[in-house]
């Protein structure tokens, strides 16, 4: 059980780190008019969720009658994982700049449809979740260290 607490915290840290990288990439490309392929940059989103059991038998074990795992409220929780990085469903922002070299025939430049306030809010939320995982990891570590200390005195 002790390893699973650390594994859950570590998986949360990994996913939130990846999410922060995606947010940073979006903010860095907020003023980008064209990518290397000539397209307008599309903001991205990290899709994450519960970690799927690696074996079918492991998934069946949790919740089986008489198993000790089914008695625990956190039974079967193995952490989170990132599934994919997908483009966000946003329309490009059109800005009238007829002198810009990337302006279309009507004088509009296509910028990424990025909501700066939304990205910043997501960044703060991601930071808070990351911090919560660090706190959980440190609390578990101090509990185990205290248990080892108590065990060595007995």
Protein backbone atom coordinates (compact mmCIF):
# COMPACT_ATOMS: atom_id res chain seq x y z
CA UNK A 1 0.00 0.00 0.00
CA UNK A 2 2.84 2.41 0.79
CA UNK A 3 4.24 2.19 -2.72
CA UNK A 4 0.82 2.91 -4.21
CA UNK A 5 0.50 6.19 -2.30
CA UNK A 6 3.80 7.37 -3.71
CA UNK A 7 2.90 6.07 -7.18
CA UNK A 8 -0.42 7.95 -7.13
CA UNK A 9 1.27 11.18 -6.03
CA UNK A 10 4.00 10.74 -8.64
CA UNK A 11 1.49 10.14 -11.42
CA UNK A 12 -0.34 13.32 -10.44
CA UNK A 13 2.91 15.27 -10.46
CA UNK A 14 3.81 13.91 -13.91
CA UNK A 15 0.42 14.75 -15.43
CA UNK A 16 0.32 18.27 -14.00
CA UNK A 17 3.88 18.88 -15.21
CA UNK A 18 2.82 17.85 -18.72
CA UNK A 19 -0.28 20.07 -18.47
CA UNK A 20 1.90 23.04 -17.48
CA UNK A 21 4.14 22.42 -20.50
CA UNK A 22 1.11 22.48 -22.81
CA UNK A 23 -0.15 25.71 -21.22
CA UNK A 24 3.31 27.29 -21.60
CA UNK A 25 3.40 26.25 -25.26
CA UNK A 26 -0.03 27.80 -25.83
CA UNK A 27 0.96 31.09 -24.18
CA UNK A 28 4.28 31.18 -26.04
CA UNK A 29 2.45 30.83 -29.36
CA UNK A 30 -0.34 33.33 -28.59
CA UNK A 31 1.10 35.83 -31.08
CA UNK A 32 2.18 33.28 -33.68
CA UNK A 33 0.57 33.88 -37.05
CA UNK A 34 1.93 30.79 -38.77
CA UNK A 35 3.51 27.49 -37.78
CA UNK A 36 6.33 25.80 -39.69
CA UNK A 37 3.69 24.17 -41.92
CA UNK A 38 2.07 27.54 -42.70
CA UNK A 39 -1.06 26.90 -40.64
CA UNK A 40 -2.42 29.02 -37.81
CA UNK A 41 -1.30 27.70 -34.42
CA UNK A 42 -4.07 25.77 -32.68
CA UNK A 43 -4.09 25.85 -28.87
CA UNK A 44 -3.69 22.39 -27.36
CA UNK A 45 -5.23 20.61 -24.36
CA UNK A 46 -3.90 17.71 -22.32
CA UNK A 47 -6.46 14.93 -21.92
CA UNK A 48 -5.95 13.03 -18.68
CA UNK A 49 -7.86 10.64 -16.49
CA UNK A 50 -7.59 7.64 -14.21
CA UNK A 51 -4.82 5.17 -14.93
CA UNK A 52 -6.19 2.06 -16.54
CA UNK A 53 -5.21 -1.30 -15.01
CA UNK A 54 -2.42 -2.86 -17.03
CA UNK A 55 -3.92 -6.36 -16.83
CA UNK A 56 -7.54 -7.42 -17.03
CA UNK A 57 -7.07 -9.66 -14.00
CA UNK A 58 -5.87 -6.65 -11.97
CA UNK A 59 -9.04 -4.76 -12.84
CA UNK A 60 -11.19 -7.72 -11.78
CA UNK A 61 -9.33 -8.12 -8.48
CA UNK A 62 -10.62 -4.81 -7.14
CA UNK A 63 -14.18 -5.23 -6.00
CA UNK A 64 -14.12 -9.01 -5.93
CA UNK A 65 -16.07 -10.40 -2.95
CA UNK A 66 -13.77 -11.12 -0.04
CA UNK A 67 -10.80 -9.23 -1.45
CA UNK A 68 -9.12 -6.87 0.99
CA UNK A 69 -8.85 -4.25 -1.71
CA UNK A 70 -12.63 -3.90 -2.02
CA UNK A 71 -12.89 -2.94 1.67
CA UNK A 72 -10.64 0.09 1.23
CA UNK A 73 -12.19 3.34 0.01
CA UNK A 74 -9.24 3.94 -2.34
CA UNK A 75 -9.11 0.39 -3.71
CA UNK A 76 -8.25 0.22 -7.37
CA UNK A 77 -6.90 3.76 -7.53
CA UNK A 78 -3.57 3.62 -9.26
CA UNK A 79 -3.19 7.29 -10.13
CA UNK A 80 -3.74 9.30 -13.26
CA UNK A 81 -2.24 9.35 -16.70
CA UNK A 82 -2.11 11.60 -19.72
CA UNK A 83 -3.97 10.08 -22.63
CA UNK A 84 -3.28 12.58 -25.39
CA UNK A 85 -2.62 16.16 -26.34
CA UNK A 86 -5.47 17.33 -28.54
CA UNK A 87 -6.23 20.58 -30.34
CA UNK A 88 -8.69 22.83 -28.53
CA UNK A 89 -11.92 23.57 -30.39
CA UNK A 90 -11.32 27.29 -30.93
CA UNK A 91 -11.67 29.52 -33.94
CA UNK A 92 -8.74 31.69 -35.01
CA UNK A 93 -8.84 35.31 -33.88
CA UNK A 94 -8.97 37.66 -36.86
CA UNK A 95 -7.15 40.97 -36.54
CA UNK A 96 -7.29 43.62 -39.24
CA UNK A 97 -3.66 44.35 -40.13
CA UNK A 98 -3.46 44.94 -43.88
CA UNK A 99 0.27 45.74 -43.76
CA UNK A 100 1.18 42.44 -42.05
CA UNK A 101 2.97 39.99 -44.38
CA UNK A 102 0.56 37.18 -43.38
CA UNK A 103 -2.61 39.17 -43.98
CA UNK A 104 -5.21 37.57 -46.23
CA UNK A 105 -6.82 39.29 -49.24
CA UNK A 106 -9.19 41.23 -46.95
CA UNK A 107 -6.34 42.44 -44.70
CA UNK A 108 -7.01 40.09 -41.78
CA UNK A 109 -4.30 38.16 -39.94
CA UNK A 110 -5.26 34.85 -38.34
CA UNK A 111 -3.99 34.55 -34.74
CA UNK A 112 -4.59 31.56 -32.45
CA UNK A 113 -7.99 31.61 -30.77
CA UNK A 114 -6.45 31.63 -27.31
CA UNK A 115 -8.22 32.89 -24.20
CA UNK A 116 -5.38 34.41 -22.15
CA UNK A 117 -7.45 34.67 -18.97
CA UNK A 118 -8.61 31.06 -19.36
CA UNK A 119 -5.04 29.85 -19.88
CA UNK A 120 -3.85 31.75 -16.82
CA UNK A 121 -6.71 30.34 -14.72
CA UNK A 122 -5.83 26.84 -15.92
CA UNK A 123 -2.19 27.50 -15.04
CA UNK A 124 -3.11 28.50 -11.48
CA UNK A 125 -5.37 25.45 -11.14
CA UNK A 126 -2.60 23.20 -12.45
CA UNK A 127 -0.14 24.71 -9.99
CA UNK A 128 -2.55 24.10 -7.09
CA UNK A 129 -3.09 20.46 -8.06
CA UNK A 130 0.67 19.99 -8.41
CA UNK A 131 1.17 21.49 -4.94
CA UNK A 132 -1.52 19.20 -3.50
CA UNK A 133 0.32 16.18 -4.88
CA UNK A 134 3.60 17.41 -3.37
CA UNK A 135 1.89 17.84 0.00
CA UNK A 136 0.40 14.34 -0.22
CA UNK A 137 3.78 12.87 -1.14
CA UNK A 138 5.53 14.66 1.73
CA UNK A 139 2.82 13.74 4.25
CA UNK A 140 3.04 10.06 3.31
CA UNK A 141 6.83 10.20 3.52
CA UNK A 142 6.77 11.76 6.99
CA UNK A 143 4.18 9.20 8.19
CA UNK A 144 6.34 6.32 6.98
CA UNK A 145 9.46 7.85 8.49
CA UNK A 146 7.62 8.24 11.80
CA UNK A 147 6.43 4.62 11.60
CA UNK A 148 10.01 3.47 10.99
CA UNK A 149 11.15 5.54 13.94
CA UNK A 150 8.48 4.01 16.19
CA UNK A 151 9.29 0.51 14.93
CA UNK A 152 12.98 0.89 15.69
CA UNK A 153 12.24 1.82 19.32
CA UNK A 154 10.02 -1.20 19.98
